[in-house]
Amino acid sequence: MSNLLQEHWSLLELVGIDSMVFSDGSIKIIDILSKENKEIVNTFGKEYYLSIVRETDLNEIVEKYDDDIWSNCQINDQIIIDNKFVFVCGEGEMGNEGFIVKLDMDGTMIWSLYSSSSNPFLRFSNYNGQLQVVSSAGFAVVVDVSTDNISIENNLS
């Protein structure tokens, strides 16, 4: 499974559905949604949150979408963490899409996150030991590098 993912990543292509895809082919279907919250100025009055919808695998997704799941990506930023991992972020084919990829130091994909509602991810910042991946929508996906847990931060410093 990782060969297929790696082959497409070498072409700067990712699974282009709202998901977190892991090198073993397992997938978490995700939603990044927002609700109105006028108190959060930097996100244009929206509060973003992330939910995991269900778990599946790459075989099921490829079968469902007839192998038409790959989205071309453009890298906007990258960062090396602890000389162990490389994270890259950027945008998909449409203006509303963003992605994050975690690679090992050899460039092998460990996981990717793709969102059709996040807007492009522009840059990384380290904040209180967490990696923030900042979206052009004004929020950040926060990655715990050691556990790969992800969350949303709306109030950026």
N, C-alpha and C. Protein backbone atom coordinates (compact mmCIF):
# COMPACT_ATOMS: atom_id res chain seq x y z
N MET A 1 0.82 -1.20 0.00
CA MET A 1 0.00 0.00 0.00
C MET A 1 0.86 1.26 0.00
N SER A 2 1.94 1.22 0.80
CA SER A 2 2.79 2.41 0.86
C SER A 2 3.45 2.69 -0.48
N ASN A 3 3.66 1.65 -1.29
CA ASN A 3 4.25 1.88 -2.62
C ASN A 3 3.35 2.75 -3.48
N LEU A 4 2.04 2.50 -3.44
CA LEU A 4 1.10 3.29 -4.22
C LEU A 4 1.07 4.73 -3.73
N LEU A 5 1.02 4.91 -2.41
CA LEU A 5 1.02 6.26 -1.85
C LEU A 5 2.32 6.98 -2.19
N GLN A 6 3.44 6.30 -2.04
CA GLN A 6 4.75 6.89 -2.31
C GLN A 6 4.91 7.24 -3.78
N GLU A 7 4.41 6.36 -4.64
CA GLU A 7 4.47 6.61 -6.08
C GLU A 7 3.74 7.90 -6.43
N HIS A 8 2.54 8.07 -5.87
CA HIS A 8 1.77 9.29 -6.16
C HIS A 8 2.40 10.51 -5.48
N TRP A 9 2.93 10.35 -4.27
CA TRP A 9 3.58 11.48 -3.60
C TRP A 9 4.79 11.96 -4.41
N SER A 10 5.51 11.03 -5.03
CA SER A 10 6.68 11.44 -5.85
C SER A 10 6.25 12.33 -7.01
N LEU A 11 4.96 12.26 -7.38
CA LEU A 11 4.39 13.13 -8.42
C LEU A 11 3.67 14.33 -7.82
N LEU A 12 3.83 14.52 -6.50
CA LEU A 12 3.12 15.55 -5.73
C LEU A 12 1.60 15.38 -5.84
N GLU A 13 1.16 14.14 -5.68
CA GLU A 13 -0.26 13.81 -5.66
C GLU A 13 -0.61 13.15 -4.34
N LEU A 14 -1.77 13.53 -3.80
CA LEU A 14 -2.28 12.94 -2.57
C LEU A 14 -3.72 12.49 -2.78
N VAL A 15 -4.19 11.63 -1.87
CA VAL A 15 -5.61 11.27 -1.87
C VAL A 15 -6.38 12.56 -1.62
N GLY A 16 -7.19 12.96 -2.58
CA GLY A 16 -7.83 14.27 -2.56
C GLY A 16 -9.22 14.28 -1.96
N ILE A 17 -9.40 13.56 -0.87
CA ILE A 17 -10.65 13.62 -0.12
C ILE A 17 -10.31 13.98 1.32
N ASP A 18 -11.28 14.49 2.04
CA ASP A 18 -11.07 14.91 3.43
C ASP A 18 -10.67 13.70 4.27
N SER A 19 -9.38 13.59 4.53
CA SER A 19 -8.91 12.38 5.19
C SER A 19 -7.51 12.54 5.74
N MET A 20 -7.17 11.60 6.61
CA MET A 20 -5.80 11.37 7.06
C MET A 20 -5.45 9.99 6.55
N VAL A 21 -4.43 9.89 5.71
CA VAL A 21 -4.04 8.63 5.09
C VAL A 21 -2.69 8.21 5.65
N PHE A 22 -2.60 6.96 6.09
CA PHE A 22 -1.38 6.45 6.70
C PHE A 22 -0.68 5.49 5.75
N SER A 23 0.62 5.32 5.94
CA SER A 23 1.43 4.53 5.01
C SER A 23 0.98 3.07 4.91
N ASP A 24 0.30 2.55 5.92
CA ASP A 24 -0.20 1.17 5.84
C ASP A 24 -1.51 1.06 5.06
N GLY A 25 -2.01 2.19 4.53
CA GLY A 25 -3.24 2.19 3.76
C GLY A 25 -4.49 2.47 4.56
N SER A 26 -4.35 2.57 5.88
CA SER A 26 -5.53 2.91 6.68
C SER A 26 -5.84 4.39 6.50
N ILE A 27 -7.13 4.72 6.61
CA ILE A 27 -7.59 6.08 6.36
C ILE A 27 -8.60 6.46 7.44
N LYS A 28 -8.47 7.70 7.92
CA LYS A 28 -9.49 8.31 8.76
C LYS A 28 -10.15 9.40 7.94
N ILE A 29 -11.43 9.24 7.66
CA ILE A 29 -12.20 10.27 6.96
C ILE A 29 -12.45 11.38 7.98
N ILE A 30 -12.13 12.62 7.61
CA ILE A 30 -12.23 13.74 8.55
C ILE A 30 -13.14 14.83 7.99
N ASP A 31 -13.57 15.69 8.88
CA ASP A 31 -14.24 16.94 8.52
C ASP A 31 -13.56 18.07 9.27
N ILE A 32 -13.23 19.14 8.58
CA ILE A 32 -12.86 20.39 9.22
C ILE A 32 -14.01 21.33 8.93
N LEU A 33 -14.77 21.63 9.97
CA LEU A 33 -15.98 22.42 9.84
C LEU A 33 -15.82 23.72 10.62
N SER A 34 -16.74 24.64 10.40
CA SER A 34 -16.69 25.89 11.14
C SER A 34 -18.10 26.30 11.54
N LYS A 35 -18.16 27.09 12.61
CA LYS A 35 -19.41 27.71 13.02
C LYS A 35 -19.11 29.17 13.32
N GLU A 36 -20.11 29.99 13.27
CA GLU A 36 -19.93 31.42 13.49
C GLU A 36 -19.52 31.68 14.94
N ASN A 37 -18.48 32.50 15.09
CA ASN A 37 -18.04 32.96 16.41
C ASN A 37 -17.35 34.31 16.20
N LYS A 38 -18.09 35.38 16.35
CA LYS A 38 -17.60 36.74 16.07
C LYS A 38 -16.45 37.15 16.99
N GLU A 39 -16.24 36.44 18.10
CA GLU A 39 -15.17 36.78 19.04
C GLU A 39 -13.79 36.37 18.52
N ILE A 40 -13.75 35.49 17.55
CA ILE A 40 -12.46 35.04 17.01
C ILE A 40 -12.18 35.85 15.75
N VAL A 41 -11.36 36.86 15.90
CA VAL A 41 -11.12 37.83 14.83
C VAL A 41 -10.24 37.26 13.73
N ASN A 42 -9.16 36.54 14.10
CA ASN A 42 -8.19 36.09 13.09
C ASN A 42 -8.75 35.05 12.13
N THR A 43 -9.90 34.42 12.45
CA THR A 43 -10.50 33.44 11.54
C THR A 43 -11.75 34.01 10.86
N PHE A 44 -11.82 35.33 10.82
CA PHE A 44 -12.92 36.01 10.13
C PHE A 44 -14.28 35.65 10.73
N GLY A 45 -14.31 35.53 12.07
CA GLY A 45 -15.56 35.28 12.76
C GLY A 45 -16.04 33.83 12.72
N LYS A 46 -15.12 32.92 12.43
CA LYS A 46 -15.48 31.51 12.39
C LYS A 46 -14.63 30.74 13.42
N GLU A 47 -15.24 29.72 14.01
CA GLU A 47 -14.52 28.81 14.89
C GLU A 47 -14.45 27.46 14.20
N TYR A 48 -13.23 27.00 13.95
CA TYR A 48 -13.02 25.74 13.24
C TYR A 48 -12.85 24.60 14.22
N TYR A 49 -13.29 23.43 13.79
CA TYR A 49 -13.08 22.22 14.59
C TYR A 49 -12.93 21.04 13.64
N LEU A 50 -12.30 19.99 14.15
CA LEU A 50 -12.00 18.80 13.37
C LEU A 50 -12.71 17.61 13.99
N SER A 51 -13.28 16.79 13.15
CA SER A 51 -13.88 15.55 13.65
C SER A 51 -13.49 14.40 12.72
N ILE A 52 -13.38 13.23 13.33
CA ILE A 52 -13.12 12.02 12.56
C ILE A 52 -14.48 11.37 12.29
N VAL A 53 -14.79 11.19 11.03
CA VAL A 53 -16.10 10.68 10.62
C VAL A 53 -16.16 9.16 10.71
N ARG A 54 -15.15 8.51 10.14
CA ARG A 54 -15.08 7.05 10.17
C ARG A 54 -13.70 6.61 9.71
N GLU A 55 -13.44 5.33 9.86
CA GLU A 55 -12.18 4.75 9.41
C GLU A 55 -12.45 3.80 8.25
N THR A 56 -11.51 3.76 7.33
CA THR A 56 -11.63 2.90 6.15
C THR A 56 -10.21 2.56 5.69
N ASP A 57 -10.07 2.14 4.44
CA ASP A 57 -8.73 1.88 3.90
C ASP A 57 -8.65 2.31 2.44
N LEU A 58 -7.44 2.37 1.96
CA LEU A 58 -7.20 2.88 0.61
C LEU A 58 -7.88 2.01 -0.44
N ASN A 59 -7.91 0.69 -0.25
CA ASN A 59 -8.57 -0.18 -1.23
C ASN A 59 -10.03 0.20 -1.41
N GLU A 60 -10.73 0.43 -0.30
CA GLU A 60 -12.15 0.80 -0.38
C GLU A 60 -12.33 2.14 -1.10
N ILE A 61 -11.46 3.09 -0.81
CA ILE A 61 -11.57 4.42 -1.42
C ILE A 61 -11.26 4.36 -2.91
N VAL A 62 -10.22 3.63 -3.30
CA VAL A 62 -9.87 3.49 -4.72
C VAL A 62 -11.02 2.83 -5.46
N GLU A 63 -11.60 1.80 -4.87
CA GLU A 63 -12.72 1.11 -5.50
C GLU A 63 -13.92 2.04 -5.64
N LYS A 64 -14.22 2.79 -4.60
CA LYS A 64 -15.38 3.68 -4.61
C LYS A 64 -15.24 4.79 -5.65
N TYR A 65 -14.04 5.34 -5.78
CA TYR A 65 -13.84 6.49 -6.67
C TYR A 65 -13.17 6.13 -7.98
N ASP A 66 -13.08 4.83 -8.30
CA ASP A 66 -12.51 4.40 -9.58
C ASP A 66 -11.09 4.93 -9.81
N ASP A 67 -10.30 4.95 -8.77
CA ASP A 67 -8.90 5.41 -8.83
C ASP A 67 -8.78 6.89 -9.22
N ASP A 68 -9.90 7.63 -9.20
CA ASP A 68 -9.88 9.05 -9.52
C ASP A 68 -9.87 9.87 -8.23
N ILE A 69 -8.95 9.54 -7.35
CA ILE A 69 -8.91 10.18 -6.03
C ILE A 69 -7.68 11.07 -5.84
N TRP A 70 -6.81 11.09 -6.81
CA TRP A 70 -5.52 11.76 -6.63
C TRP A 70 -5.62 13.23 -7.00
N SER A 71 -5.09 14.07 -6.12
CA SER A 71 -5.11 15.51 -6.32
C SER A 71 -3.68 16.03 -6.42
N ASN A 72 -3.42 16.88 -7.40
CA ASN A 72 -2.11 17.51 -7.52
C ASN A 72 -1.95 18.54 -6.41
N CYS A 73 -0.74 18.63 -5.88
CA CYS A 73 -0.47 19.50 -4.74
C CYS A 73 0.70 20.43 -5.02
N GLN A 74 0.67 21.57 -4.35
CA GLN A 74 1.77 22.53 -4.41
C GLN A 74 2.27 22.76 -2.99
N ILE A 75 3.57 22.62 -2.78
CA ILE A 75 4.17 22.78 -1.45
C ILE A 75 4.40 24.26 -1.17
N ASN A 76 3.94 24.72 0.00
CA ASN A 76 4.15 26.10 0.42
C ASN A 76 5.24 26.25 1.48
N ASP A 77 5.45 25.21 2.30
CA ASP A 77 6.46 25.30 3.37
C ASP A 77 6.87 23.90 3.78
N GLN A 78 8.03 23.82 4.41
CA GLN A 78 8.49 22.56 4.99
C GLN A 78 9.35 22.86 6.20
N ILE A 79 9.42 21.87 7.10
CA ILE A 79 10.20 22.02 8.32
C ILE A 79 10.74 20.65 8.73
N ILE A 80 11.95 20.63 9.24
CA ILE A 80 12.56 19.40 9.77
C ILE A 80 12.42 19.44 11.28
N ILE A 81 11.93 18.34 11.86
CA ILE A 81 11.73 18.24 13.30
C ILE A 81 12.64 17.16 13.87
N ASP A 82 13.47 17.56 14.84
CA ASP A 82 14.34 16.65 15.59
C ASP A 82 15.25 15.79 14.70
N ASN A 83 15.56 16.26 13.50
CA ASN A 83 16.36 15.49 12.55
C ASN A 83 15.81 14.08 12.33
N LYS A 84 14.48 13.93 12.50
CA LYS A 84 13.81 12.65 12.31
C LYS A 84 12.72 12.71 11.25
N PHE A 85 12.05 13.85 11.19
CA PHE A 85 10.88 13.97 10.33
C PHE A 85 10.92 15.26 9.52
N VAL A 86 10.34 15.20 8.35
CA VAL A 86 10.12 16.39 7.52
C VAL A 86 8.61 16.54 7.37
N PHE A 87 8.12 17.72 7.66
CA PHE A 87 6.71 18.04 7.43
C PHE A 87 6.65 19.02 6.27
N VAL A 88 5.70 18.80 5.37
CA VAL A 88 5.45 19.74 4.28
C VAL A 88 3.96 20.10 4.31
N CYS A 89 3.66 21.30 3.85
CA CYS A 89 2.25 21.72 3.77
C CYS A 89 2.07 22.54 2.51
N GLY A 90 0.81 22.69 2.13
CA GLY A 90 0.53 23.47 0.94
C GLY A 90 -0.93 23.42 0.56
N GLU A 91 -1.16 23.41 -0.76
CA GLU A 91 -2.52 23.51 -1.27
C GLU A 91 -2.77 22.48 -2.35
N GLY A 92 -4.05 22.14 -2.50
CA GLY A 92 -4.47 21.21 -3.54
C GLY A 92 -4.80 21.93 -4.82
N GLU A 93 -5.59 21.29 -5.66
CA GLU A 93 -5.88 21.81 -7.00
C GLU A 93 -6.84 23.00 -6.99
N MET A 94 -7.68 23.08 -5.98
CA MET A 94 -8.68 24.15 -5.91
C MET A 94 -8.25 25.14 -4.82
N GLY A 95 -8.79 26.31 -4.80
CA GLY A 95 -8.38 27.33 -3.85
C GLY A 95 -8.77 27.06 -2.40
N ASN A 96 -9.67 26.13 -2.17
CA ASN A 96 -10.15 25.86 -0.82
C ASN A 96 -9.45 24.68 -0.16
N GLU A 97 -8.52 24.04 -0.80
CA GLU A 97 -7.92 22.80 -0.31
C GLU A 97 -6.55 23.04 0.31
N GLY A 98 -6.25 22.26 1.36
CA GLY A 98 -4.94 22.31 1.99
C GLY A 98 -4.49 20.92 2.38
N PHE A 99 -3.17 20.76 2.56
CA PHE A 99 -2.65 19.46 2.94
C PHE A 99 -1.45 19.61 3.87
N ILE A 100 -1.20 18.53 4.61
CA ILE A 100 -0.03 18.38 5.47
C ILE A 100 0.49 16.97 5.25
N VAL A 101 1.80 16.81 5.12
CA VAL A 101 2.40 15.49 4.96
C VAL A 101 3.55 15.36 5.95
N LYS A 102 3.62 14.19 6.61
CA LYS A 102 4.74 13.84 7.48
C LYS A 102 5.57 12.78 6.76
N LEU A 103 6.85 13.07 6.61
CA LEU A 103 7.78 12.18 5.93
C LEU A 103 8.91 11.78 6.88
N ASP A 104 9.53 10.64 6.62
CA ASP A 104 10.76 10.34 7.35
C ASP A 104 11.90 11.08 6.64
N MET A 105 13.10 11.00 7.16
CA MET A 105 14.22 11.77 6.60
C MET A 105 14.63 11.28 5.21
N ASP A 106 14.16 10.09 4.81
CA ASP A 106 14.42 9.58 3.46
C ASP A 106 13.36 10.02 2.46
N GLY A 107 12.34 10.75 2.93
CA GLY A 107 11.29 11.22 2.05
C GLY A 107 10.13 10.26 1.90
N THR A 108 10.10 9.22 2.72
CA THR A 108 9.00 8.26 2.67
C THR A 108 7.82 8.79 3.48
N MET A 109 6.64 8.77 2.88
CA MET A 109 5.46 9.30 3.54
C MET A 109 5.06 8.42 4.72
N ILE A 110 4.80 9.08 5.86
CA ILE A 110 4.28 8.41 7.05
C ILE A 110 2.77 8.59 7.10
N TRP A 111 2.31 9.81 6.87
CA TRP A 111 0.88 10.10 6.76
C TRP A 111 0.67 11.41 6.03
N SER A 112 -0.55 11.58 5.56
CA SER A 112 -0.95 12.85 4.94
C SER A 112 -2.33 13.22 5.45
N LEU A 113 -2.57 14.52 5.53
CA LEU A 113 -3.89 15.06 5.84
C LEU A 113 -4.28 15.94 4.68
N TYR A 114 -5.49 15.74 4.18
CA TYR A 114 -6.00 16.53 3.07
C TYR A 114 -7.37 17.07 3.46
N SER A 115 -7.59 18.35 3.22
CA SER A 115 -8.86 18.97 3.57
C SER A 115 -9.35 19.82 2.40
N SER A 116 -10.63 19.65 2.09
CA SER A 116 -11.24 20.46 1.03
C SER A 116 -11.88 21.73 1.58
N SER A 117 -11.77 21.94 2.90
CA SER A 117 -12.42 23.11 3.50
C SER A 117 -11.50 23.96 4.36
N SER A 118 -10.23 23.63 4.39
CA SER A 118 -9.29 24.34 5.28
C SER A 118 -8.69 25.58 4.65
N ASN A 119 -8.76 25.69 3.34
CA ASN A 119 -7.94 26.64 2.58
C ASN A 119 -6.50 26.16 2.63
N PRO A 120 -5.62 26.73 1.83
CA PRO A 120 -4.23 26.27 1.81
C PRO A 120 -3.54 26.43 3.17
N PHE A 121 -2.66 25.50 3.48
CA PHE A 121 -1.78 25.63 4.64
C PHE A 121 -0.52 26.34 4.16
N LEU A 122 -0.18 27.43 4.84
CA LEU A 122 0.86 28.34 4.36
C LEU A 122 2.22 28.14 5.00
N ARG A 123 2.23 27.86 6.31
CA ARG A 123 3.51 27.84 7.01
C ARG A 123 3.41 27.05 8.30
N PHE A 124 4.59 26.73 8.83
CA PHE A 124 4.71 26.02 10.11
C PHE A 124 5.22 26.97 11.17
N SER A 125 4.83 26.69 12.41
CA SER A 125 5.45 27.34 13.55
C SER A 125 5.46 26.36 14.71
N ASN A 126 6.52 26.42 15.51
CA ASN A 126 6.59 25.63 16.73
C ASN A 126 6.07 26.50 17.85
N TYR A 127 5.12 25.97 18.62
CA TYR A 127 4.53 26.73 19.70
C TYR A 127 4.29 25.80 20.88
N ASN A 128 4.95 26.07 21.99
CA ASN A 128 4.81 25.25 23.20
C ASN A 128 5.03 23.77 22.92
N GLY A 129 6.02 23.45 22.11
CA GLY A 129 6.34 22.06 21.83
C GLY A 129 5.42 21.38 20.85
N GLN A 130 4.51 22.12 20.27
CA GLN A 130 3.59 21.57 19.28
C GLN A 130 3.87 22.23 17.93
N LEU A 131 3.61 21.50 16.88
CA LEU A 131 3.79 22.02 15.53
C LEU A 131 2.46 22.58 15.05
N GLN A 132 2.42 23.87 14.76
CA GLN A 132 1.23 24.50 14.21
C GLN A 132 1.39 24.64 12.71
N VAL A 133 0.35 24.25 11.99
CA VAL A 133 0.33 24.37 10.54
C VAL A 133 -0.77 25.38 10.22
N VAL A 134 -0.36 26.57 9.82
CA VAL A 134 -1.26 27.71 9.72
C VAL A 134 -1.93 27.76 8.35
N SER A 135 -3.26 27.86 8.39
CA SER A 135 -4.08 27.95 7.18
C SER A 135 -4.30 29.41 6.80
N SER A 136 -4.54 29.65 5.53
CA SER A 136 -4.89 31.01 5.09
C SER A 136 -6.25 31.44 5.64
N ALA A 137 -7.02 30.52 6.22
CA ALA A 137 -8.29 30.86 6.85
C ALA A 137 -8.09 31.39 8.27
N GLY A 138 -6.83 31.40 8.77
CA GLY A 138 -6.54 32.01 10.06
C GLY A 138 -6.46 31.07 11.24
N PHE A 139 -6.74 29.79 11.07
CA PHE A 139 -6.60 28.82 12.15
C PHE A 139 -5.38 27.95 11.88
N ALA A 140 -5.05 27.08 12.82
CA ALA A 140 -3.92 26.16 12.63
C ALA A 140 -4.34 24.75 13.01
N VAL A 141 -3.85 23.78 12.25
CA VAL A 141 -3.90 22.40 12.68
C VAL A 141 -2.67 22.20 13.56
N VAL A 142 -2.88 21.66 14.74
CA VAL A 142 -1.79 21.44 15.69
C VAL A 142 -1.47 19.95 15.68
N VAL A 143 -0.19 19.64 15.45
CA VAL A 143 0.27 18.26 15.37
C VAL A 143 1.16 17.97 16.56
N ASP A 144 0.82 16.94 17.32
CA ASP A 144 1.73 16.42 18.34
C ASP A 144 2.67 15.47 17.60
N VAL A 145 3.91 15.88 17.43
CA VAL A 145 4.85 15.16 16.58
C VAL A 145 5.11 13.74 17.09
N SER A 146 5.07 13.54 18.40
CA SER A 146 5.39 12.22 18.95
C SER A 146 4.22 11.24 18.84
N THR A 147 2.98 11.72 18.88
CA THR A 147 1.81 10.82 18.85
C THR A 147 1.01 10.92 17.55
N ASP A 148 1.27 11.94 16.75
CA ASP A 148 0.51 12.23 15.53
C ASP A 148 -0.94 12.61 15.80
N ASN A 149 -1.26 12.94 17.05
CA ASN A 149 -2.59 13.48 17.34
C ASN A 149 -2.69 14.87 16.73
N ILE A 150 -3.87 15.18 16.22
CA ILE A 150 -4.08 16.49 15.62
C ILE A 150 -5.30 17.15 16.25
N SER A 151 -5.25 18.47 16.28
CA SER A 151 -6.36 19.27 16.80
C SER A 151 -6.35 20.60 16.07
N ILE A 152 -7.31 21.45 16.39
CA ILE A 152 -7.43 22.77 15.76
C ILE A 152 -7.19 23.84 16.81
N GLU A 153 -6.43 24.86 16.46
CA GLU A 153 -6.25 26.05 17.31
C GLU A 153 -6.79 27.23 16.53
N ASN A 154 -7.78 27.91 17.11
CA ASN A 154 -8.41 29.06 16.46
C ASN A 154 -7.78 30.38 16.88
N ASN A 155 -7.28 30.47 18.09
CA ASN A 155 -6.73 31.72 18.64
C ASN A 155 -5.22 31.68 18.51
N LEU A 156 -4.71 32.10 17.37
CA LEU A 156 -3.27 32.07 17.12
C LEU A 156 -2.60 33.29 17.74
N SER A 157 -1.40 33.07 18.25
CA SER A 157 -0.64 34.17 18.85
C SER A 157 0.12 34.90 17.78
